[in-house]
Amino acid sequence: MTDRKTGQSGKLRESLRDESPLHAKERAWSGRFAEPVAQFVLNYTASVGFDQRLAHADIQASLAHASMLAAAGVLSAEELARIEQGLAQVLTEIEAGTFQWQVALEDVHLNVEARLTELAGDAGKRLHTARSRNDQVATDLRLYLRGEVDRLLEEIDAVQRSLVELAAAHSGTVMPGYTHLQVAQPVTFGHHLLAYVEMLERDRERLVDARGRMNRLPLGSAALAGTTFPIDRERVARDLKFEAVCQNSIDAVSDRDFAIELCAAGALLMAHLSRLAEELVLWLSPGFGFIQLPDRFTTGSSIMPQKRNPDVAELARGKTGRVIGHLVALLTLIKGQPLAYNKDNQEDKEPVFDTIDTLHATLRAFAEMVPGIRVDHEAMRRAALQGHSTATDLADYLVRRGVAFRDAHEAVARAVRRADELGCALADLPLQELQALAPQIGEGVFKVLTLEGSVAARDHVGGTAPAQVAAQVRRWQKTLEQRAALTPGPSPATA
């Protein structure tokens, strides 16, 4: 099996040969040069150690290219058959972990082509007609990332599903809502969780949007100017399920916007998960005591046996920095490049690959961790009773009785100060004290000042009332069920 983190199996890592340039196989471009590349330069410029994860996409694109060349009369039917058989054998070897990757052949493309030529003879050499590694790698990377985006969308759905189900169980659980990390107003825990569902939905929309721009075919642009052969780019696009072809050959081979856009969407996604991770860390701490996490997502201390450390959440928070760093690295990579392709672009892959790997791992962690969260209802309620969290409700009560909001705000501020002086909650002030500050206050005010009354009063779309939370839960459950029914099988490039 292939390791998602490295794109290699154990056998592949062991078979990555560091050949001497004097004994390396003849390179695709070596005829121009009078001496072999220095070994240090070969190692420095080779990318096969990390870009071999593009092998499936490379073979998929090569099959479509070969089929088009045969239809255009550039390849014979026999040559096409030999190429197809050879690439099938190459794919089998890669999947079995027996393929011999060679640093001397620089990258995944030349490694696959060299082995194909061993298997298919001259037909393998003819496959590269009407293309360049410039448009080849741009195509392979788009194919690969397209499949990874599809996986990310499913994983986001899984995290959303886990949050929605937890919210369903806590549509009426009252907790403090915070601003500036100070108790502000009562909210329901379900409402709080659904805020993250909304964030993740925007992340999902960004990925879908980025996928659309990613899904355009560069192949046929060749090195930068196109090709003199009678190619049919639209046919290749249809075969590879691209929505369109890139309209400018120079832009097609030099563009890395699609990778940068993916990293930008990934950085925002990680930032949102990091916010949730931070709250889990806070809520788990004794100062809050709102939740318990499953033991399998926490660790102990080597010297303090009482500790239960939220390492998964903390690492998610920490890994966000590396994903943001990858975005900055890619933006820096392209900012000074003249058109068209430059070797700098080889440096696009490791940041993108690590971003993808980090997103997959983090989304999986949250999808599995959230359903195991155990909530301490009473701890949340006690915290919500602190800080006079229903003060705004008292102001609203006065406004409904004809007091201008600014005057109501001032009266409630004085009531809060008086409660602090007496060392009691706002709801515990005697009625006479409240009426001395605002004569419009009647006996029914105490119902307004309860936590349950406060949250129930916010009964509108987007509000924290339990009825609204339950309605939002039903809406999300329906949406996620519909998505699950429409989810296609795995992309050939990542199967």
Protein backbone atom coordinates (compact mmCIF):
# COMPACT_ATOMS: atom_id res chain seq x y z
CA MET A 1 0.00 0.00 0.00
CA THR A 2 1.14 3.55 -0.69
CA ASP A 3 1.84 5.81 2.27
CA ARG A 4 -0.33 8.93 1.93
CA LYS A 5 2.20 10.99 3.85
CA THR A 6 5.13 10.28 1.53
CA GLY A 7 3.53 8.85 -1.58
CA GLN A 8 5.89 5.90 -1.21
CA SER A 9 5.73 2.38 0.10
CA GLY A 10 8.53 0.93 2.19
CA LYS A 11 9.91 -0.85 -0.85
CA LEU A 12 9.80 2.32 -2.86
CA ARG A 13 11.87 4.16 -0.30
CA GLU A 14 14.43 1.38 -0.27
CA SER A 15 14.61 1.22 -4.06
CA LEU A 16 15.30 4.92 -4.57
CA ARG A 17 18.75 4.45 -6.11
CA ASP A 18 21.46 7.12 -5.94
CA GLU A 19 23.22 6.25 -9.19
CA SER A 20 26.54 7.65 -10.33
CA PRO A 21 26.08 9.97 -13.32
CA LEU A 22 28.64 7.94 -15.26
CA HIS A 23 26.47 4.85 -15.03
CA ALA A 24 23.03 6.46 -15.05
CA LYS A 25 20.73 5.75 -17.96
CA GLU A 26 20.83 8.26 -20.77
CA ARG A 27 18.58 11.17 -19.86
CA ALA A 28 15.84 12.57 -22.04
CA TRP A 29 17.82 15.78 -22.59
CA SER A 30 21.46 14.62 -22.37
CA GLY A 31 22.41 14.92 -26.06
CA ARG A 32 23.17 18.63 -25.76
CA PHE A 33 25.77 18.23 -23.00
CA ALA A 34 29.41 17.19 -23.16
CA GLU A 35 29.69 15.95 -19.57
CA PRO A 36 27.33 14.32 -17.10
CA VAL A 37 25.57 16.25 -14.38
CA ALA A 38 27.51 16.35 -11.12
CA GLN A 39 26.16 13.97 -8.52
CA PHE A 40 25.48 16.81 -6.10
CA VAL A 41 23.51 18.70 -8.74
CA LEU A 42 21.60 15.55 -9.62
CA ASN A 43 20.57 15.05 -6.01
CA TYR A 44 19.81 18.75 -5.58
CA THR A 45 17.52 18.98 -8.61
CA ALA A 46 15.81 15.58 -8.45
CA SER A 47 12.17 15.54 -7.34
CA VAL A 48 11.36 11.84 -7.61
CA GLY A 49 11.70 11.44 -3.87
CA PHE A 50 8.44 13.36 -3.40
CA ASP A 51 6.69 13.69 -6.76
CA GLN A 52 6.27 9.95 -7.26
CA ARG A 53 2.90 10.33 -5.56
CA LEU A 54 1.80 11.82 -8.91
CA ALA A 55 2.39 8.47 -10.65
CA HIS A 56 -1.28 7.49 -10.89
CA ALA A 57 -2.20 10.86 -12.34
CA ASP A 58 0.80 10.71 -14.71
CA ILE A 59 -0.27 7.35 -16.09
CA GLN A 60 -3.88 8.42 -16.36
CA ALA A 61 -2.92 11.53 -18.35
CA SER A 62 -0.49 9.56 -20.52
CA LEU A 63 -3.20 7.08 -21.46
CA ALA A 64 -5.51 9.89 -22.55
CA HIS A 65 -2.67 11.57 -24.47
CA ALA A 66 -1.76 8.32 -26.24
CA SER A 67 -5.36 7.65 -27.20
CA MET A 68 -5.61 11.14 -28.70
CA LEU A 69 -2.34 10.73 -30.63
CA ALA A 70 -3.62 7.48 -32.11
CA ALA A 71 -6.91 9.11 -33.14
CA ALA A 72 -4.89 11.90 -34.79
CA GLY A 73 -2.78 9.38 -36.74
CA VAL A 74 0.43 10.19 -34.86
CA LEU A 75 0.53 6.73 -33.27
CA SER A 76 -0.47 3.46 -34.89
CA ALA A 77 -3.01 1.15 -33.31
CA GLU A 78 -0.20 -1.29 -32.50
CA GLU A 79 1.85 1.42 -30.82
CA LEU A 80 -1.14 2.52 -28.78
CA ALA A 81 -1.75 -1.05 -27.65
CA ARG A 82 1.88 -1.45 -26.59
CA ILE A 83 1.78 1.82 -24.67
CA GLU A 84 -1.44 0.88 -22.91
CA GLN A 85 -0.11 -2.55 -21.96
CA GLY A 86 3.18 -1.06 -20.79
CA LEU A 87 1.54 1.61 -18.65
CA ALA A 88 -0.73 -1.00 -17.10
CA GLN A 89 2.37 -2.98 -16.13
CA VAL A 90 4.04 0.14 -14.71
CA LEU A 91 0.96 0.88 -12.62
CA THR A 92 0.92 -2.71 -11.34
CA GLU A 93 4.56 -2.44 -10.27
CA ILE A 94 4.00 0.90 -8.56
CA GLU A 95 1.01 -0.39 -6.63
CA ALA A 96 2.91 -3.54 -5.65
CA GLY A 97 5.88 -1.48 -4.43
CA THR A 98 8.30 -3.20 -6.80
CA PHE A 99 8.87 -0.29 -9.17
CA GLN A 100 12.52 0.80 -9.21
CA TRP A 101 12.58 4.56 -8.77
CA GLN A 102 15.85 6.18 -9.85
CA VAL A 103 17.19 9.55 -8.77
CA ALA A 104 19.18 9.65 -12.01
CA LEU A 105 15.91 9.94 -13.90
CA GLU A 106 15.02 13.04 -11.90
CA ASP A 107 11.25 12.87 -11.57
CA VAL A 108 8.16 10.72 -11.74
CA HIS A 109 7.61 11.48 -15.43
CA LEU A 110 10.98 10.27 -16.69
CA ASN A 111 10.93 7.28 -14.34
CA VAL A 112 7.59 6.15 -15.74
CA GLU A 113 8.66 6.85 -19.32
CA ALA A 114 11.94 4.95 -18.95
CA ARG A 115 10.21 1.87 -17.60
CA LEU A 116 7.52 2.13 -20.28
CA THR A 117 10.23 2.20 -22.95
CA GLU A 118 11.78 -0.95 -21.47
CA LEU A 119 8.41 -2.66 -21.76
CA ALA A 120 7.05 -1.18 -24.99
CA GLY A 121 10.21 -0.38 -26.96
CA ASP A 122 10.10 2.46 -29.47
CA ALA A 123 6.37 2.95 -28.85
CA GLY A 124 7.27 4.14 -25.35
CA LYS A 125 9.62 6.73 -26.81
CA ARG A 126 6.87 8.04 -29.07
CA LEU A 127 4.47 8.73 -26.20
CA HIS A 128 6.09 12.10 -25.44
CA THR A 129 5.23 13.42 -28.91
CA ALA A 130 3.32 16.73 -28.75
CA ARG A 131 3.91 17.30 -25.06
CA SER A 132 6.59 18.53 -22.67
CA ARG A 133 7.29 17.85 -19.04
CA ASN A 134 6.09 21.43 -18.52
CA ASP A 135 2.49 20.75 -19.54
CA GLN A 136 2.74 17.17 -18.29
CA VAL A 137 3.48 18.13 -14.68
CA ALA A 138 0.89 20.90 -14.73
CA THR A 139 -1.69 18.35 -15.85
CA ASP A 140 -0.62 15.68 -13.37
CA LEU A 141 -0.69 18.09 -10.44
CA ARG A 142 -4.17 19.31 -11.34
CA LEU A 143 -5.42 15.74 -11.67
CA TYR A 144 -3.90 14.72 -8.36
CA LEU A 145 -5.17 17.75 -6.46
CA ARG A 146 -8.63 17.42 -7.98
CA GLY A 147 -8.91 13.98 -6.46
CA GLU A 148 -7.56 15.20 -3.12
CA VAL A 149 -10.10 18.03 -3.04
CA ASP A 150 -12.87 15.47 -3.52
CA ARG A 151 -11.56 13.56 -0.50
CA LEU A 152 -11.32 16.75 1.55
CA LEU A 153 -14.94 17.58 0.80
CA GLU A 154 -16.03 14.21 2.14
CA GLU A 155 -13.88 14.68 5.24
CA ILE A 156 -15.33 18.14 5.89
CA ASP A 157 -18.78 16.58 5.65
CA ALA A 158 -17.74 14.02 8.27
CA VAL A 159 -16.62 16.73 10.71
CA GLN A 160 -19.79 18.71 10.08
CA ARG A 161 -21.86 15.58 10.69
CA SER A 162 -20.18 14.95 14.02
CA LEU A 163 -20.72 18.57 15.12
CA VAL A 164 -24.36 18.52 14.04
CA GLU A 165 -25.07 15.33 15.96
CA LEU A 166 -23.45 16.74 19.10
CA ALA A 167 -25.44 19.95 18.64
CA ALA A 168 -28.63 17.90 18.35
CA ALA A 169 -27.98 16.43 21.78
CA HIS A 170 -27.36 19.87 23.28
CA SER A 171 -29.88 22.17 21.63
CA GLY A 172 -31.04 23.30 25.08
CA THR A 173 -27.79 23.06 27.05
CA VAL A 174 -27.01 26.57 28.31
CA MET A 175 -23.44 27.84 28.37
CA PRO A 176 -21.86 31.29 28.55
CA GLY A 177 -21.29 33.05 25.28
CA TYR A 178 -18.11 35.09 25.30
CA THR A 179 -16.71 38.24 23.79
CA HIS A 180 -13.13 39.20 24.67
CA LEU A 181 -13.20 35.85 26.56
CA GLN A 182 -15.48 37.58 29.07
CA VAL A 183 -18.96 36.23 29.83
CA ALA A 184 -21.31 38.14 27.54
CA GLN A 185 -24.71 36.46 27.08
CA PRO A 186 -26.12 32.98 27.57
CA VAL A 187 -26.16 30.76 24.50
CA THR A 188 -26.86 27.12 23.91
CA PHE A 189 -24.01 24.70 23.38
CA GLY A 190 -25.72 23.40 20.27
CA HIS A 191 -25.79 26.92 18.84
CA HIS A 192 -22.09 27.34 19.60
CA LEU A 193 -21.21 24.08 17.82
CA LEU A 194 -23.23 25.02 14.76
CA ALA A 195 -21.09 28.13 14.37
CA TYR A 196 -18.24 25.81 13.39
CA VAL A 197 -20.49 23.95 10.98
CA GLU A 198 -21.10 27.26 9.22
CA MET A 199 -17.36 28.02 9.09
CA LEU A 200 -16.64 24.61 7.62
CA GLU A 201 -19.36 25.13 5.05
CA ARG A 202 -17.61 28.25 3.78
CA ASP A 203 -14.36 26.29 3.69
CA ARG A 204 -16.13 23.65 1.64
CA GLU A 205 -17.50 26.28 -0.75
CA ARG A 206 -14.01 27.70 -1.24
CA LEU A 207 -12.63 24.26 -2.10
CA VAL A 208 -15.45 23.59 -4.55
CA ASP A 209 -14.84 26.97 -6.14
CA ALA A 210 -11.10 26.34 -6.36
CA ARG A 211 -11.72 22.90 -7.87
CA GLY A 212 -13.60 24.52 -10.75
CA ARG A 213 -10.61 26.66 -11.71
CA MET A 214 -8.27 23.73 -11.12
CA ASN A 215 -10.26 21.54 -13.50
CA ARG A 216 -8.87 22.96 -16.75
CA LEU A 217 -6.48 21.03 -18.98
CA PRO A 218 -2.94 22.33 -19.64
CA LEU A 219 -1.87 19.30 -21.72
CA GLY A 220 -1.21 20.25 -25.32
CA SER A 221 0.54 23.47 -24.37
CA ALA A 222 3.87 21.59 -24.67
CA ALA A 223 6.89 23.55 -23.42
CA LEU A 224 5.19 26.96 -23.70
CA ALA A 225 4.10 27.64 -27.31
CA GLY A 226 1.91 24.69 -28.19
CA THR A 227 2.78 21.99 -30.72
CA THR A 228 2.94 21.52 -34.47
CA PHE A 229 1.13 18.16 -34.28
CA PRO A 230 -2.62 17.85 -35.03
CA ILE A 231 -3.74 17.36 -31.43
CA ASP A 232 -7.28 17.38 -30.07
CA ARG A 233 -7.10 18.96 -26.63
CA GLU A 234 -10.86 18.91 -26.15
CA ARG A 235 -10.84 15.12 -26.58
CA VAL A 236 -8.19 14.74 -23.89
CA ALA A 237 -10.14 17.08 -21.62
CA ARG A 238 -13.26 14.94 -22.01
CA ASP A 239 -11.34 11.73 -21.37
CA LEU A 240 -9.82 13.15 -18.18
CA LYS A 241 -13.08 14.83 -17.12
CA PHE A 242 -11.65 18.34 -17.25
CA GLU A 243 -14.30 21.00 -17.66
CA ALA A 244 -12.30 23.07 -20.16
CA VAL A 245 -8.84 23.52 -21.67
CA CYS A 246 -6.41 26.26 -20.70
CA GLN A 247 -6.68 28.93 -23.37
CA ASN A 248 -3.11 30.26 -23.34
CA SER A 249 -0.17 27.89 -23.59
CA ILE A 250 2.26 30.20 -21.78
CA ASP A 251 -0.11 30.65 -18.86
CA ALA A 252 -0.98 26.96 -18.81
CA VAL A 253 2.57 25.75 -18.13
CA SER A 254 3.53 28.51 -15.71
CA ASP A 255 0.32 28.84 -13.71
CA ARG A 256 0.33 27.60 -10.14
CA ASP A 257 -2.67 29.67 -9.03
CA PHE A 258 -4.68 26.51 -8.54
CA ALA A 259 -2.17 25.13 -6.04
CA ILE A 260 -1.90 28.44 -4.20
CA GLU A 261 -5.67 28.78 -4.06
CA LEU A 262 -5.93 25.28 -2.59
CA CYS A 263 -3.37 26.21 0.06
CA ALA A 264 -5.24 29.43 0.81
CA ALA A 265 -8.48 27.53 1.30
CA GLY A 266 -6.56 24.98 3.36
CA ALA A 267 -5.04 27.68 5.56
CA LEU A 268 -8.50 29.09 6.33
CA LEU A 269 -9.84 25.62 7.00
CA MET A 270 -7.00 24.92 9.43
CA ALA A 271 -7.53 28.32 11.08
CA HIS A 272 -11.15 27.39 11.75
CA LEU A 273 -10.20 23.97 13.10
CA SER A 274 -7.55 25.67 15.22
CA ARG A 275 -10.19 27.91 16.80
CA LEU A 276 -12.22 24.85 17.70
CA ALA A 277 -9.08 23.15 18.99
CA GLU A 278 -8.35 26.15 21.21
CA GLU A 279 -11.84 26.02 22.67
CA LEU A 280 -11.54 22.30 23.36
CA VAL A 281 -8.28 22.98 25.21
CA LEU A 282 -9.95 25.73 27.27
CA TRP A 283 -13.12 23.75 27.95
CA LEU A 284 -11.12 20.73 29.09
CA SER A 285 -9.04 22.76 31.57
CA PRO A 286 -10.13 22.72 35.24
CA GLY A 287 -10.79 26.46 35.10
CA PHE A 288 -13.69 25.73 32.73
CA GLY A 289 -14.42 22.04 33.20
CA PHE A 290 -17.06 22.06 30.49
CA ILE A 291 -16.09 18.84 28.69
CA GLN A 292 -14.15 15.63 28.78
CA LEU A 293 -12.40 14.26 25.69
CA PRO A 294 -12.10 10.56 24.90
CA ASP A 295 -8.98 9.03 26.46
CA ARG A 296 -7.68 7.99 23.05
CA PHE A 297 -7.36 11.66 22.08
CA THR A 298 -5.46 12.70 25.21
CA THR A 299 -2.12 11.81 26.78
CA GLY A 300 -0.64 11.76 30.26
CA SER A 301 2.41 13.36 31.83
CA SER A 302 5.68 11.59 32.49
CA ILE A 303 5.84 13.02 36.04
CA MET A 304 2.31 14.23 36.87
CA PRO A 305 -0.04 11.24 36.94
CA GLN A 306 -3.18 13.34 37.28
CA LYS A 307 -2.75 15.06 33.90
CA ARG A 308 -4.94 14.50 30.83
CA ASN A 309 -3.40 16.59 28.07
CA PRO A 310 -5.39 17.45 24.91
CA ASP A 311 -2.45 16.73 22.62
CA VAL A 312 -4.51 16.17 19.45
CA ALA A 313 -6.24 19.52 19.78
CA GLU A 314 -2.96 21.24 20.64
CA LEU A 315 -1.20 19.71 17.65
CA ALA A 316 -4.03 20.74 15.34
CA ARG A 317 -3.57 24.27 16.64
CA GLY A 318 0.18 24.02 16.06
CA LYS A 319 -0.01 22.42 12.61
CA THR A 320 -2.09 25.36 11.43
CA GLY A 321 1.11 27.41 11.39
CA ARG A 322 2.83 25.12 8.93
CA VAL A 323 -0.13 25.23 6.53
CA ILE A 324 -0.22 29.03 6.68
CA GLY A 325 3.56 28.94 6.09
CA HIS A 326 3.09 26.81 2.98
CA LEU A 327 0.71 29.40 1.55
CA VAL A 328 3.27 32.15 2.12
CA ALA A 329 6.00 29.96 0.60
CA LEU A 330 4.01 29.40 -2.60
CA LEU A 331 3.12 33.06 -2.97
CA THR A 332 6.80 33.90 -2.55
CA LEU A 333 7.73 31.19 -5.05
CA ILE A 334 5.83 32.73 -7.95
CA LYS A 335 6.16 36.43 -7.21
CA GLY A 336 9.37 37.00 -9.20
CA GLN A 337 9.12 34.39 -11.95
CA PRO A 338 9.19 35.60 -15.54
CA LEU A 339 7.03 33.69 -18.01
CA ALA A 340 6.92 30.84 -18.76
CA TYR A 341 7.99 27.73 -16.84
CA ASN A 342 10.94 27.91 -14.43
CA LYS A 343 12.60 25.23 -12.34
CA ASP A 344 11.46 27.16 -9.25
CA ASN A 345 8.08 25.52 -9.77
CA GLN A 346 9.48 22.19 -8.67
CA GLU A 347 9.30 23.69 -5.18
CA ASP A 348 5.50 23.88 -5.36
CA LYS A 349 4.93 20.21 -4.61
CA GLU A 350 6.24 19.62 -1.11
CA PRO A 351 4.28 22.52 0.42
CA VAL A 352 1.12 21.44 -1.41
CA PHE A 353 1.57 17.78 -0.52
CA ASP A 354 2.19 18.57 3.15
CA THR A 355 -0.84 20.85 3.21
CA ILE A 356 -2.99 18.07 1.79
CA ASP A 357 -1.62 15.50 4.25
CA THR A 358 -2.10 17.83 7.21
CA LEU A 359 -5.68 18.64 6.21
CA HIS A 360 -6.59 14.97 5.80
CA ALA A 361 -5.11 13.99 9.16
CA THR A 362 -6.63 16.92 11.05
CA LEU A 363 -10.10 16.50 9.59
CA ARG A 364 -10.04 12.81 10.42
CA ALA A 365 -8.98 13.57 13.99
CA PHE A 366 -11.87 15.98 14.55
CA ALA A 367 -14.43 13.73 12.85
CA GLU A 368 -13.51 10.95 15.29
CA MET A 369 -12.90 13.09 18.38
CA VAL A 370 -16.03 15.25 18.45
CA PRO A 371 -18.57 12.38 18.83
CA GLY A 372 -16.77 11.28 22.00
CA ILE A 373 -16.99 14.65 23.77
CA ARG A 374 -18.79 14.41 27.11
CA VAL A 375 -20.44 17.59 28.36
CA ASP A 376 -20.81 18.76 31.97
CA HIS A 377 -24.14 20.61 31.79
CA GLU A 378 -23.93 21.96 35.32
CA ALA A 379 -20.44 23.37 34.87
CA MET A 380 -21.60 25.23 31.78
CA ARG A 381 -24.67 26.54 33.59
CA ARG A 382 -22.67 27.73 36.58
CA ALA A 383 -20.31 29.59 34.29
CA ALA A 384 -23.23 31.20 32.45
CA LEU A 385 -24.55 32.54 35.77
CA GLN A 386 -21.34 34.49 36.26
CA GLY A 387 -20.70 37.96 34.90
CA HIS A 388 -24.35 39.11 34.83
CA SER A 389 -24.88 37.46 31.45
CA THR A 390 -28.57 38.42 31.26
CA ALA A 391 -27.93 42.17 31.56
CA THR A 392 -28.83 42.73 27.92
CA ASP A 393 -32.14 40.96 28.52
CA LEU A 394 -32.95 43.48 31.25
CA ALA A 395 -32.14 46.33 28.86
CA ASP A 396 -34.39 44.79 26.20
CA TYR A 397 -37.13 44.40 28.81
CA LEU A 398 -36.97 48.13 29.57
CA VAL A 399 -37.01 49.04 25.88
CA ARG A 400 -40.19 47.01 25.43
CA ARG A 401 -41.64 49.12 28.27
CA GLY A 402 -40.96 52.36 26.44
CA VAL A 403 -37.46 53.27 27.69
CA ALA A 404 -35.00 54.47 25.03
CA PHE A 405 -32.23 51.89 24.58
CA ARG A 406 -29.41 54.20 25.67
CA ASP A 407 -31.32 55.11 28.83
CA ALA A 408 -32.07 51.43 29.44
CA HIS A 409 -28.41 50.60 28.95
CA GLU A 410 -27.42 53.18 31.56
CA ALA A 411 -30.00 51.93 34.07
CA VAL A 412 -28.84 48.33 33.68
CA ALA A 413 -25.21 49.36 34.06
CA ARG A 414 -26.11 50.93 37.42
CA ALA A 415 -27.97 47.74 38.37
CA VAL A 416 -24.89 45.67 37.57
CA ARG A 417 -22.76 47.96 39.70
CA ARG A 418 -25.23 47.62 42.58
CA ALA A 419 -25.23 43.82 42.28
CA ASP A 420 -21.43 43.85 42.42
CA GLU A 421 -21.56 46.00 45.55
CA LEU A 422 -23.94 43.53 47.19
CA GLY A 423 -22.00 40.51 45.91
CA CYS A 424 -25.01 38.92 44.23
CA ALA A 425 -26.25 38.07 40.76
CA LEU A 426 -28.35 40.56 38.84
CA ALA A 427 -31.36 38.25 39.14
CA ASP A 428 -30.94 38.24 42.94
CA LEU A 429 -31.35 41.99 43.38
CA PRO A 430 -34.53 42.83 45.30
CA LEU A 431 -37.33 44.23 43.18
CA GLN A 432 -37.20 47.49 45.16
CA GLU A 433 -33.53 47.96 44.25
CA LEU A 434 -34.29 47.42 40.56
CA GLN A 435 -37.29 49.76 40.60
CA ALA A 436 -35.20 52.46 42.26
CA LEU A 437 -32.96 52.39 39.21
CA ALA A 438 -35.77 52.04 36.66
CA PRO A 439 -39.38 52.44 37.85
CA GLN A 440 -40.69 50.74 34.69
CA ILE A 441 -39.49 47.37 36.06
CA GLY A 442 -42.28 45.06 37.24
CA GLU A 443 -42.46 41.71 39.02
CA GLY A 444 -42.24 39.76 35.75
CA VAL A 445 -38.66 40.89 35.26
CA PHE A 446 -37.21 37.89 37.08
CA LYS A 447 -38.42 35.50 34.40
CA VAL A 448 -36.52 37.58 31.86
CA LEU A 449 -33.34 37.33 33.93
CA THR A 450 -33.18 33.51 33.93
CA LEU A 451 -30.71 31.77 31.63
CA GLU A 452 -33.44 29.67 30.04
CA GLY A 453 -35.63 32.70 29.48
CA SER A 454 -32.74 34.55 27.89
CA VAL A 455 -31.91 31.91 25.30
CA ALA A 456 -35.56 31.08 24.58
CA ALA A 457 -36.29 34.75 23.83
CA ARG A 458 -33.87 34.75 20.88
CA ASP A 459 -36.26 32.76 18.75
CA HIS A 460 -35.47 33.85 15.21
CA VAL A 461 -33.42 32.47 12.33
CA GLY A 462 -29.81 32.46 13.43
CA GLY A 463 -30.73 32.86 17.11
CA THR A 464 -29.67 30.69 20.01
CA ALA A 465 -33.17 29.59 21.12
CA PRO A 466 -33.40 25.80 21.50
CA ALA A 467 -36.21 25.69 18.95
CA GLN A 468 -34.04 27.48 16.40
CA VAL A 469 -31.06 25.24 17.13
CA ALA A 470 -33.24 22.17 16.60
CA ALA A 471 -34.45 23.60 13.29
CA GLN A 472 -30.88 24.28 12.17
CA VAL A 473 -29.88 20.74 13.18
CA ARG A 474 -32.66 19.31 11.00
CA ARG A 475 -31.60 21.51 8.09
CA TRP A 476 -28.00 20.36 8.34
CA GLN A 477 -28.94 16.71 8.75
CA LYS A 478 -30.96 16.90 5.54
CA THR A 479 -28.14 18.67 3.68
CA LEU A 480 -25.52 16.15 4.79
CA GLU A 481 -27.76 13.19 3.95
CA GLN A 482 -28.28 14.56 0.45
CA ARG A 483 -24.55 15.03 -0.02
CA ALA A 484 -23.79 11.51 1.15
CA ALA A 485 -26.24 10.15 -1.42
CA LEU A 486 -24.52 12.11 -4.20
CA THR A 487 -20.91 11.32 -3.25
CA PRO A 488 -19.14 9.62 -6.20
CA GLY A 489 -16.53 6.91 -5.96
CA PRO A 490 -12.80 7.70 -5.61
CA SER A 491 -11.05 9.57 -8.39
CA PRO A 492 -8.87 7.35 -10.64
CA ALA A 493 -5.94 9.63 -9.87
CA THR A 494 -6.14 8.83 -6.16
CA ALA A 495 -7.79 5.40 -6.09
